Protein backbone atom coordinates (compact mmCIF):
# COMPACT_ATOMS: atom_id res chain seq x y z
CA GLU A 1 145.22 91.09 93.40
CA LYS A 2 145.03 88.21 95.87
CA SER A 3 143.26 90.35 98.47
CA LEU A 4 140.76 91.53 95.86
CA GLN A 5 139.84 87.94 95.08
CA LYS A 6 139.20 87.23 98.75
CA THR A 7 136.94 90.24 99.26
CA SER A 8 135.18 90.18 95.90
CA THR A 9 131.50 89.32 96.13
CA CYS A 10 131.22 88.73 92.39
CA SER A 11 134.01 86.18 92.01
CA SER A 12 131.57 83.40 91.08
CA VAL A 13 129.78 85.46 88.42
CA LYS A 14 130.59 84.38 84.89
CA PRO A 15 130.64 86.91 82.03
CA THR A 16 127.74 85.03 80.45
CA ASP A 17 125.49 85.46 83.51
CA VAL A 18 122.64 87.92 83.15
CA PHE A 19 122.72 90.86 85.54
CA VAL A 20 119.51 91.30 87.51
CA SER A 21 119.07 94.49 89.47
CA PRO A 22 118.59 93.86 93.20
CA TYR A 23 115.72 96.35 93.05
CA ALA A 24 113.84 94.15 90.57
CA LEU A 25 114.12 91.23 92.98
CA ASN A 26 112.45 93.22 95.77
CA LEU A 27 109.26 94.06 93.85
CA SER A 28 106.29 92.22 95.23
CA SER A 29 103.65 90.75 92.96
CA PHE A 30 101.29 93.49 94.09
CA THR A 31 103.78 96.21 93.12
CA LYS A 32 104.32 94.58 89.73
CA LEU A 33 100.57 94.34 89.21
CA VAL A 34 100.02 98.01 90.08
CA LYS A 35 102.88 99.02 87.78
CA ARG A 36 101.39 97.01 84.89
CA LEU A 37 97.98 98.57 85.48
CA GLN A 38 99.49 102.06 85.62
CA GLU A 39 101.18 101.45 82.27
CA ARG A 40 97.93 100.11 80.81
CA HIS A 41 95.71 102.83 82.31
CA PRO A 42 97.78 106.01 82.69
CA GLU A 43 94.57 108.03 83.01
CA PHE A 44 93.89 106.55 86.47
CA SER A 45 95.70 107.44 89.68
CA ARG A 46 97.53 104.82 91.70
CA ASP A 47 94.81 105.07 94.36
CA LYS A 48 92.08 104.25 91.83
CA ILE A 49 94.11 101.30 90.55
CA VAL A 50 94.61 99.98 94.09
CA GLU A 51 90.86 100.36 94.70
CA ALA A 52 90.15 98.29 91.57
CA VAL A 53 92.54 95.56 92.74
CA GLN A 54 90.86 95.60 96.17
CA GLU A 55 87.50 95.22 94.43
CA VAL A 56 88.80 92.15 92.59
CA ARG A 57 89.92 90.78 95.96
CA LYS A 58 86.49 91.44 97.45
CA ILE A 59 84.78 89.66 94.54
CA HIS A 60 87.02 86.64 95.14
CA LYS A 61 86.10 86.26 98.82
CA GLY A 62 88.96 88.39 100.11
CA VAL A 63 91.86 86.57 98.47
CA LEU A 64 93.88 86.99 95.31
CA SER A 65 96.19 84.01 95.81
CA GLY A 66 95.61 81.34 93.23
CA LEU A 67 94.73 83.87 90.52
CA ALA A 68 97.29 84.62 87.83
CA ILE A 69 98.55 88.20 87.78
CA SER A 70 97.28 88.51 84.21
CA SER A 71 93.82 87.42 85.35
CA ILE A 72 93.80 89.96 88.19
CA GLU A 73 95.01 92.60 85.72
CA GLU A 74 92.14 91.82 83.34
CA LYS A 75 89.53 91.90 86.10
CA ALA A 76 90.89 95.17 87.54
CA SER A 77 90.96 96.69 84.05
CA ALA A 78 87.30 95.79 83.58
CA ILE A 79 86.48 97.56 86.86
CA LEU A 80 88.47 100.64 85.86
C-alpha cells in the first residue's frame, strides 16, 4: 500500500473533484467551433464549415482573435 501511494498520480484528487477528460483539454477553440457548427448544421461537410469560418476571418481582416466563439459561430452560420 505504501508503494502505491508513492507512485499514484491521483493521490491529491479528492472524491468531490470533477473528472475532466484529458482529451477535452486538448481541443483547440477552432476544433470546438467546428464541432459546434457541425452539430448546428449537419447538412454541411466539415470542409464547407471550415470555408465559412475562413470567410469570417477574411471579413475581419484576417484575424478571429478578439471575437467570441459564439459571435464567430453566428457569422459562419449566416454564411452557410
